[in-house]
Amino acid sequence: MILHEFSEPTPWLDSMVTAWEALGGPALQARGTFHVSLSGGSTPKPLYQRLAQLKWPWSATRLYLGDERWVTPDHKDSNYRMVNEAFHGTGVHIERVHSEIATAEVGARAYEKQIRTDLGDPPRFDLILLGIGDDGHTSSLFPETAALKEEKLLIAPNFVSKLGVWRITSTYTLLRYARAIWFVTRGPSKEPYIRALAQDDPKATFPAAKVRSDRGTIEIYHCSQP
């Protein structure tokens, strides 16, 4: 696992934009489409806004959500809403979770079906972006939740009891297929987690520490400034 550390946000963002171009170009040449699964929350939004300024073949790029809150797409907590606002004007296709349907279980099943249709079997994203929460969760794989043990599903419904909410989340199984994974993190509260990840600490038990990629690379882009 490769750790890239930055003390200020500008070089942190610059580095990821450069890496996006270096990764996306060959993917487009090889497969014709660049498939990316995005992280939600506030940390990656500046990156998405920077990427949206690129002269990039957005029509050949497809964006997906690595996890989603079970809220309507116009809700203030919706990851889709955040991503859609950040990439506004690019025309890029964003495959959203249809949270207006019956249940999180049905929604997760439909989203997995769409991913399999678009990416094939096994579905290998060119890039998956992940964050790390203050409790060590990543995607919506929270401590002490059922999705941590899911081995068959690629997208799982996950009830987070401490928040009292349903989420849908990428599972470790889906993450393992990725060609590249980036942890995008910021602030001193994340540093114990990124140290454990970078050192591949065998004692680490928090959810992000269990992320693996069978044939891809895993990198951490961390900015120490909150």
C-alpha atoms as a PDB file:
ATOM      1  CA  MET A   1       0.000   0.000   0.000  1.00  0.00           C
ATOM      2  CA  ILE A   2       1.397   3.372  -1.033  1.00  0.00           C
ATOM      3  CA  LEU A   3       0.954   6.426   1.210  1.00  0.00           C
ATOM      4  CA  HIS A   4       1.043   9.927  -0.286  1.00  0.00           C
ATOM      5  CA  GLU A   5       1.070  12.624   2.404  1.00  0.00           C
ATOM      6  CA  PHE A   6       0.506  16.341   1.983  1.00  0.00           C
ATOM      7  CA  SER A   7       0.437  19.225   4.447  1.00  0.00           C
ATOM      8  CA  GLU A   8      -1.789  21.467   2.320  1.00  0.00           C
ATOM      9  CA  PRO A   9      -4.868  20.817   0.199  1.00  0.00           C
ATOM     10  CA  THR A  10      -3.641  22.255  -3.117  1.00  0.00           C
ATOM     11  CA  PRO A  11      -0.811  19.746  -3.756  1.00  0.00           C
ATOM     12  CA  TRP A  12      -3.044  16.986  -2.355  1.00  0.00           C
ATOM     13  CA  LEU A  13      -5.678  17.757  -4.974  1.00  0.00           C
ATOM     14  CA  ASP A  14      -3.105  18.325  -7.729  1.00  0.00           C
ATOM     15  CA  SER A  15      -1.574  14.913  -7.091  1.00  0.00           C
ATOM     16  CA  MET A  16      -4.916  13.123  -7.353  1.00  0.00           C
ATOM     17  CA  VAL A  17      -5.915  14.972 -10.516  1.00  0.00           C
ATOM     18  CA  THR A  18      -2.613  13.966 -12.130  1.00  0.00           C
ATOM     19  CA  ALA A  19      -3.098  10.366 -10.989  1.00  0.00           C
ATOM     20  CA  TRP A  20      -6.669  10.370 -12.366  1.00  0.00           C
ATOM     21  CA  GLU A  21      -5.373  11.357 -15.796  1.00  0.00           C
ATOM     22  CA  ALA A  22      -2.572   8.774 -15.663  1.00  0.00           C
ATOM     23  CA  LEU A  23      -5.015   6.019 -14.729  1.00  0.00           C
ATOM     24  CA  GLY A  24      -7.955   7.044 -16.867  1.00  0.00           C
ATOM     25  CA  GLY A  25      -6.110   7.480 -20.143  1.00  0.00           C
ATOM     26  CA  PRO A  26      -4.933   3.858 -20.443  1.00  0.00           C
ATOM     27  CA  ALA A  27      -8.313   2.587 -19.214  1.00  0.00           C
ATOM     28  CA  LEU A  28     -10.077   4.474 -21.992  1.00  0.00           C
ATOM     29  CA  GLN A  29      -7.631   3.197 -24.599  1.00  0.00           C
ATOM     30  CA  ALA A  30      -7.928  -0.398 -23.408  1.00  0.00           C
ATOM     31  CA  ARG A  31     -11.657  -0.650 -22.725  1.00  0.00           C
ATOM     32  CA  GLY A  32     -13.301   2.435 -24.180  1.00  0.00           C
ATOM     33  CA  THR A  33     -14.943   3.482 -20.907  1.00  0.00           C
ATOM     34  CA  PHE A  34     -13.538   4.654 -17.580  1.00  0.00           C
ATOM     35  CA  HIS A  35     -15.615   3.192 -14.726  1.00  0.00           C
ATOM     36  CA  VAL A  36     -15.179   4.873 -11.347  1.00  0.00           C
ATOM     37  CA  SER A  37     -16.897   4.264  -8.011  1.00  0.00           C
ATOM     38  CA  LEU A  38     -16.969   7.394  -5.864  1.00  0.00           C
ATOM     39  CA  SER A  39     -16.874   8.013  -2.146  1.00  0.00           C
ATOM     40  CA  GLY A  40     -19.479  10.196  -0.489  1.00  0.00           C
ATOM     41  CA  GLY A  41     -19.229  12.667   2.367  1.00  0.00           C
ATOM     42  CA  SER A  42     -17.570  16.075   2.415  1.00  0.00           C
ATOM     43  CA  THR A  43     -13.882  15.115   2.102  1.00  0.00           C
ATOM     44  CA  PRO A  44     -13.768  14.211  -1.622  1.00  0.00           C
ATOM     45  CA  LYS A  45     -16.020  17.019  -2.857  1.00  0.00           C
ATOM     46  CA  PRO A  46     -13.122  19.451  -3.581  1.00  0.00           C
ATOM     47  CA  LEU A  47     -11.496  16.708  -5.651  1.00  0.00           C
ATOM     48  CA  TYR A  48     -14.660  16.183  -7.671  1.00  0.00           C
ATOM     49  CA  GLN A  49     -14.945  19.916  -8.265  1.00  0.00           C
ATOM     50  CA  ARG A  50     -11.355  20.029  -9.503  1.00  0.00           C
ATOM     51  CA  LEU A  51     -11.874  17.032 -11.765  1.00  0.00           C
ATOM     52  CA  ALA A  52     -14.952  18.682 -13.243  1.00  0.00           C
ATOM     53  CA  GLN A  53     -12.703  21.471 -14.531  1.00  0.00           C
ATOM     54  CA  LEU A  54     -10.610  19.064 -16.610  1.00  0.00           C
ATOM     55  CA  LYS A  55     -10.873  18.796 -20.362  1.00  0.00           C
ATOM     56  CA  TRP A  56     -11.778  15.163 -20.039  1.00  0.00           C
ATOM     57  CA  PRO A  57     -13.791  12.688 -22.169  1.00  0.00           C
ATOM     58  CA  TRP A  58     -16.718  12.705 -19.767  1.00  0.00           C
ATOM     59  CA  SER A  59     -18.986  11.046 -22.321  1.00  0.00           C
ATOM     60  CA  ALA A  60     -16.759   7.950 -22.059  1.00  0.00           C
ATOM     61  CA  THR A  61     -16.689   8.040 -18.258  1.00  0.00           C
ATOM     62  CA  ARG A  62     -19.271   6.461 -15.960  1.00  0.00           C
ATOM     63  CA  LEU A  63     -19.495   7.328 -12.296  1.00  0.00           C
ATOM     64  CA  TYR A  64     -21.074   5.189  -9.591  1.00  0.00           C
ATOM     65  CA  LEU A  65     -21.663   5.560  -5.866  1.00  0.00           C
ATOM     66  CA  GLY A  66     -19.717   3.263  -3.583  1.00  0.00           C
ATOM     67  CA  ASP A  67     -22.379   3.739  -0.940  1.00  0.00           C
ATOM     68  CA  GLU A  68     -25.529   5.743  -0.386  1.00  0.00           C
ATOM     69  CA  ARG A  69     -27.747   6.918   2.422  1.00  0.00           C
ATOM     70  CA  TRP A  70     -31.295   5.632   2.052  1.00  0.00           C
ATOM     71  CA  VAL A  71     -32.722   9.083   1.315  1.00  0.00           C
ATOM     72  CA  THR A  72     -34.248  10.730  -1.734  1.00  0.00           C
ATOM     73  CA  PRO A  73     -31.776  11.962  -4.382  1.00  0.00           C
ATOM     74  CA  ASP A  74     -32.532  15.606  -3.573  1.00  0.00           C
ATOM     75  CA  HIS A  75     -32.017  15.150   0.188  1.00  0.00           C
ATOM     76  CA  LYS A  76     -29.204  17.166   1.775  1.00  0.00           C
ATOM     77  CA  ASP A  77     -27.522  13.942   2.942  1.00  0.00           C
ATOM     78  CA  SER A  78     -27.653  12.222  -0.446  1.00  0.00           C
ATOM     79  CA  ASN A  79     -24.269  11.241  -1.853  1.00  0.00           C
ATOM     80  CA  TYR A  80     -25.774  11.403  -5.322  1.00  0.00           C
ATOM     81  CA  ARG A  81     -26.798  15.004  -4.766  1.00  0.00           C
ATOM     82  CA  MET A  82     -23.260  15.955  -3.684  1.00  0.00           C
ATOM     83  CA  VAL A  83     -21.626  14.178  -6.627  1.00  0.00           C
ATOM     84  CA  ASN A  84     -24.143  15.559  -9.121  1.00  0.00           C
ATOM     85  CA  GLU A  85     -23.549  19.107  -7.896  1.00  0.00           C
ATOM     86  CA  ALA A  86     -19.768  18.703  -8.015  1.00  0.00           C
ATOM     87  CA  PHE A  87     -19.770  17.397 -11.604  1.00  0.00           C
ATOM     88  CA  HIS A  88     -22.491  19.750 -12.824  1.00  0.00           C
ATOM     89  CA  GLY A  89     -21.900  20.872 -16.383  1.00  0.00           C
ATOM     90  CA  THR A  90     -19.646  17.990 -17.407  1.00  0.00           C
ATOM     91  CA  GLY A  91     -22.419  15.826 -18.834  1.00  0.00           C
ATOM     92  CA  VAL A  92     -20.893  12.755 -17.184  1.00  0.00           C
ATOM     93  CA  HIS A  93     -23.240   9.856 -16.520  1.00  0.00           C
ATOM     94  CA  ILE A  94     -23.758   9.219 -12.803  1.00  0.00           C
ATOM     95  CA  GLU A  95     -25.452   5.930 -11.990  1.00  0.00           C
ATOM     96  CA  ARG A  96     -27.483   6.693  -8.898  1.00  0.00           C
ATOM     97  CA  VAL A  97     -29.115   4.412  -6.370  1.00  0.00           C
ATOM     98  CA  HIS A  98     -32.882   4.459  -6.823  1.00  0.00           C
ATOM     99  CA  SER A  99     -33.752   5.084  -3.203  1.00  0.00           C
ATOM    100  CA  GLU A 100     -37.351   5.934  -4.025  1.00  0.00           C
ATOM    101  CA  ILE A 101     -38.140   2.229  -4.472  1.00  0.00           C
ATOM    102  CA  ALA A 102     -39.472   0.002  -1.726  1.00  0.00           C
ATOM    103  CA  THR A 103     -36.595  -0.983   0.544  1.00  0.00           C
ATOM    104  CA  ALA A 104     -32.818  -0.783   0.893  1.00  0.00           C
ATOM    105  CA  GLU A 105     -32.642  -4.495   0.129  1.00  0.00           C
ATOM    106  CA  VAL A 106     -34.464  -4.062  -3.181  1.00  0.00           C
ATOM    107  CA  GLY A 107     -32.406  -0.982  -3.998  1.00  0.00           C
ATOM    108  CA  ALA A 108     -29.129  -2.763  -3.307  1.00  0.00           C
ATOM    109  CA  ARG A 109     -30.148  -5.686  -5.495  1.00  0.00           C
ATOM    110  CA  ALA A 110     -31.062  -3.357  -8.366  1.00  0.00           C
ATOM    111  CA  TYR A 111     -27.800  -1.428  -8.075  1.00  0.00           C
ATOM    112  CA  GLU A 112     -25.728  -4.608  -8.092  1.00  0.00           C
ATOM    113  CA  LYS A 113     -27.586  -5.796 -11.190  1.00  0.00           C
ATOM    114  CA  GLN A 114     -26.796  -2.509 -12.943  1.00  0.00           C
ATOM    115  CA  ILE A 115     -23.110  -2.758 -12.035  1.00  0.00           C
ATOM    116  CA  ARG A 116     -22.903  -6.325 -13.322  1.00  0.00           C
ATOM    117  CA  THR A 117     -24.639  -5.297 -16.554  1.00  0.00           C
ATOM    118  CA  ASP A 118     -22.263  -2.385 -17.124  1.00  0.00           C
ATOM    119  CA  LEU A 119     -18.968  -3.926 -16.010  1.00  0.00           C
ATOM    120  CA  GLY A 120     -19.401  -7.637 -16.679  1.00  0.00           C
ATOM    121  CA  ASP A 121     -18.538 -10.569 -14.459  1.00  0.00           C
ATOM    122  CA  PRO A 122     -16.566 -10.098 -12.377  1.00  0.00           C
ATOM    123  CA  PRO A 123     -17.232  -6.343 -12.334  1.00  0.00           C
ATOM    124  CA  ARG A 124     -13.858  -4.624 -12.100  1.00  0.00           C
ATOM    125  CA  PHE A 125     -13.938  -0.883 -11.536  1.00  0.00           C
ATOM    126  CA  ASP A 126     -10.974   0.966 -12.987  1.00  0.00           C
ATOM    127  CA  LEU A 127     -10.904   3.050  -9.820  1.00  0.00           C
ATOM    128  CA  ILE A 128     -12.699   2.970  -6.480  1.00  0.00           C
ATOM    129  CA  LEU A 129     -12.438   5.951  -4.149  1.00  0.00           C
ATOM    130  CA  LEU A 130     -12.930   5.348  -0.436  1.00  0.00           C
ATOM    131  CA  GLY A 131     -12.919   7.482   2.675  1.00  0.00           C
ATOM    132  CA  ILE A 132     -12.316   6.632   6.309  1.00  0.00           C
ATOM    133  CA  GLY A 133     -14.674   7.733   9.072  1.00  0.00           C
ATOM    134  CA  ASP A 134     -13.732   8.672  12.614  1.00  0.00           C
ATOM    135  CA  ASP A 135     -14.702   5.148  13.691  1.00  0.00           C
ATOM    136  CA  GLY A 136     -12.622   3.532  10.938  1.00  0.00           C
ATOM    137  CA  HIS A 137     -15.542   2.749   8.652  1.00  0.00           C
ATOM    138  CA  THR A 138     -15.171   2.909   4.888  1.00  0.00           C
ATOM    139  CA  SER A 139     -17.914   3.085   2.283  1.00  0.00           C
ATOM    140  CA  SER A 140     -20.871   2.194   4.553  1.00  0.00           C
ATOM    141  CA  LEU A 141     -19.030  -0.717   6.137  1.00  0.00           C
ATOM    142  CA  PHE A 142     -19.467   0.387   9.735  1.00  0.00           C
ATOM    143  CA  PRO A 143     -18.132  -1.443  12.783  1.00  0.00           C
ATOM    144  CA  GLU A 144     -20.430  -4.165  14.105  1.00  0.00           C
ATOM    145  CA  THR A 145     -22.731  -4.212  11.075  1.00  0.00           C
ATOM    146  CA  ALA A 146     -23.911  -7.167   9.038  1.00  0.00           C
ATOM    147  CA  ALA A 147     -22.334  -6.125   5.734  1.00  0.00           C
ATOM    148  CA  LEU A 148     -18.851  -6.695   7.157  1.00  0.00           C
ATOM    149  CA  LYS A 149     -19.480 -10.432   6.901  1.00  0.00           C
ATOM    150  CA  GLU A 150     -21.185 -10.405   3.504  1.00  0.00           C
ATOM    151  CA  GLU A 151     -19.321 -12.625   1.029  1.00  0.00           C
ATOM    152  CA  LYS A 152     -21.753 -13.177  -1.846  1.00  0.00           C
ATOM    153  CA  LEU A 153     -23.345  -9.814  -2.558  1.00  0.00           C
ATOM    154  CA  LEU A 154     -21.408  -7.022  -4.253  1.00  0.00           C
ATOM    155  CA  ILE A 155     -23.789  -4.332  -3.011  1.00  0.00           C
ATOM    156  CA  ALA A 156     -25.473  -4.904   0.330  1.00  0.00           C
ATOM    157  CA  PRO A 157     -28.151  -3.204   2.415  1.00  0.00           C
ATOM    158  CA  ASN A 158     -26.673  -2.333   5.790  1.00  0.00           C
ATOM    159  CA  PHE A 159     -28.507  -1.122   8.881  1.00  0.00           C
ATOM    160  CA  VAL A 160     -26.282   1.107  11.021  1.00  0.00           C
ATOM    161  CA  SER A 161     -27.810   0.829  14.465  1.00  0.00           C
ATOM    162  CA  LYS A 162     -25.811   3.634  16.077  1.00  0.00           C
ATOM    163  CA  LEU A 163     -27.201   6.026  13.457  1.00  0.00           C
ATOM    164  CA  GLY A 164     -30.593   4.347  13.193  1.00  0.00           C
ATOM    165  CA  VAL A 165     -30.451   4.381   9.396  1.00  0.00           C
ATOM    166  CA  TRP A 166     -30.225   2.086   6.400  1.00  0.00           C
ATOM    167  CA  ARG A 167     -27.369   2.449   3.948  1.00  0.00           C
ATOM    168  CA  ILE A 168     -26.393   0.535   0.876  1.00  0.00           C
ATOM    169  CA  THR A 169     -22.727  -0.252   0.551  1.00  0.00           C
ATOM    170  CA  SER A 170     -20.072  -1.832  -1.598  1.00  0.00           C
ATOM    171  CA  THR A 171     -18.887  -5.043   0.016  1.00  0.00           C
ATOM    172  CA  TYR A 172     -15.348  -6.295   0.432  1.00  0.00           C
ATOM    173  CA  THR A 173     -16.077  -8.730  -2.393  1.00  0.00           C
ATOM    174  CA  LEU A 174     -16.696  -5.908  -4.873  1.00  0.00           C
ATOM    175  CA  LEU A 175     -13.700  -3.939  -3.621  1.00  0.00           C
ATOM    176  CA  ARG A 176     -11.390  -6.901  -4.213  1.00  0.00           C
ATOM    177  CA  TYR A 177     -12.119  -6.808  -7.947  1.00  0.00           C
ATOM    178  CA  ALA A 178     -10.943  -3.189  -8.378  1.00  0.00           C
ATOM    179  CA  ARG A 179      -8.030  -2.322 -10.629  1.00  0.00           C
ATOM    180  CA  ALA A 180      -7.135   0.563  -8.310  1.00  0.00           C
ATOM    181  CA  ILE A 181      -8.347   1.800  -4.926  1.00  0.00           C
ATOM    182  CA  TRP A 182      -7.624   5.198  -3.415  1.00  0.00           C
ATOM    183  CA  PHE A 183      -8.298   6.130   0.180  1.00  0.00           C
ATOM    184  CA  VAL A 184      -8.920   9.890   0.150  1.00  0.00           C
ATOM    185  CA  THR A 185      -8.499  11.243   3.674  1.00  0.00           C
ATOM    186  CA  ARG A 186      -7.972  14.509   5.463  1.00  0.00           C
ATOM    187  CA  GLY A 187      -7.229  15.760   8.969  1.00  0.00           C
ATOM    188  CA  PRO A 188      -5.343  14.546  12.055  1.00  0.00           C
ATOM    189  CA  SER A 189      -8.192  12.313  13.259  1.00  0.00           C
ATOM    190  CA  LYS A 190      -7.527   9.981  10.313  1.00  0.00           C
ATOM    191  CA  GLU A 191      -3.792   9.632  10.855  1.00  0.00           C
ATOM    192  CA  PRO A 192      -3.871   6.616  13.215  1.00  0.00           C
ATOM    193  CA  TYR A 193      -5.932   4.789  10.622  1.00  0.00           C
ATOM    194  CA  ILE A 194      -3.732   5.632   7.659  1.00  0.00           C
ATOM    195  CA  ARG A 195      -0.605   4.647   9.616  1.00  0.00           C
ATOM    196  CA  ALA A 196      -2.125   1.248  10.330  1.00  0.00           C
ATOM    197  CA  LEU A 197      -3.116   0.854   6.685  1.00  0.00           C
ATOM    198  CA  ALA A 198       0.264   1.914   5.338  1.00  0.00           C
ATOM    199  CA  GLN A 199       2.060  -0.488   7.670  1.00  0.00           C
ATOM    200  CA  ASP A 200      -0.416  -3.288   6.976  1.00  0.00           C
ATOM    201  CA  ASP A 201      -0.804  -3.661  10.736  1.00  0.00           C
ATOM    202  CA  PRO A 202      -2.018  -7.230  11.400  1.00  0.00           C
ATOM    203  CA  LYS A 203      -3.641  -6.082  14.658  1.00  0.00           C
ATOM    204  CA  ALA A 204      -5.865  -3.517  12.947  1.00  0.00           C
ATOM    205  CA  THR A 205      -9.523  -4.505  13.174  1.00  0.00           C
ATOM    206  CA  PHE A 206     -11.338  -1.389  11.944  1.00  0.00           C
ATOM    207  CA  PRO A 207     -13.353  -1.902   8.723  1.00  0.00           C
ATOM    208  CA  ALA A 208     -11.062   0.045   6.384  1.00  0.00           C
ATOM    209  CA  ALA A 209      -8.164  -2.226   7.355  1.00  0.00           C
ATOM    210  CA  LYS A 210      -9.940  -5.203   5.791  1.00  0.00           C
ATOM    211  CA  VAL A 211     -10.003  -3.737   2.271  1.00  0.00           C
ATOM    212  CA  ARG A 212      -8.040  -5.799  -0.236  1.00  0.00           C
ATOM    213  CA  SER A 213      -7.581  -5.811  -4.009  1.00  0.00           C
ATOM    214  CA  ASP A 214      -6.822  -9.126  -5.693  1.00  0.00           C
ATOM    215  CA  ARG A 215      -4.917  -7.725  -8.653  1.00  0.00           C
ATOM    216  CA  GLY A 216      -5.044  -3.966  -8.241  1.00  0.00           C
ATOM    217  CA  THR A 217      -3.186  -1.280  -6.334  1.00  0.00           C
ATOM    218  CA  ILE A 218      -4.231   0.457  -3.119  1.00  0.00           C
ATOM    219  CA  GLU A 219      -3.010   3.971  -2.412  1.00  0.00           C
ATOM    220  CA  ILE A 220      -3.694   6.526   0.304  1.00  0.00           C
ATOM    221  CA  TYR A 221      -3.888  10.240  -0.459  1.00  0.00           C
ATOM    222  CA  HIS A 222      -3.846  12.065   2.860  1.00  0.00           C
ATOM    223  CA  CYS A 223      -3.845  15.780   3.654  1.00  0.00           C
ATOM    224  CA  SER A 224      -2.928  16.554   7.257  1.00  0.00           C
ATOM    225  CA  GLN A 225      -4.717  19.907   7.160  1.00  0.00           C
ATOM    226  CA  PRO A 226      -8.380  19.576   8.235  1.00  0.00           C
END
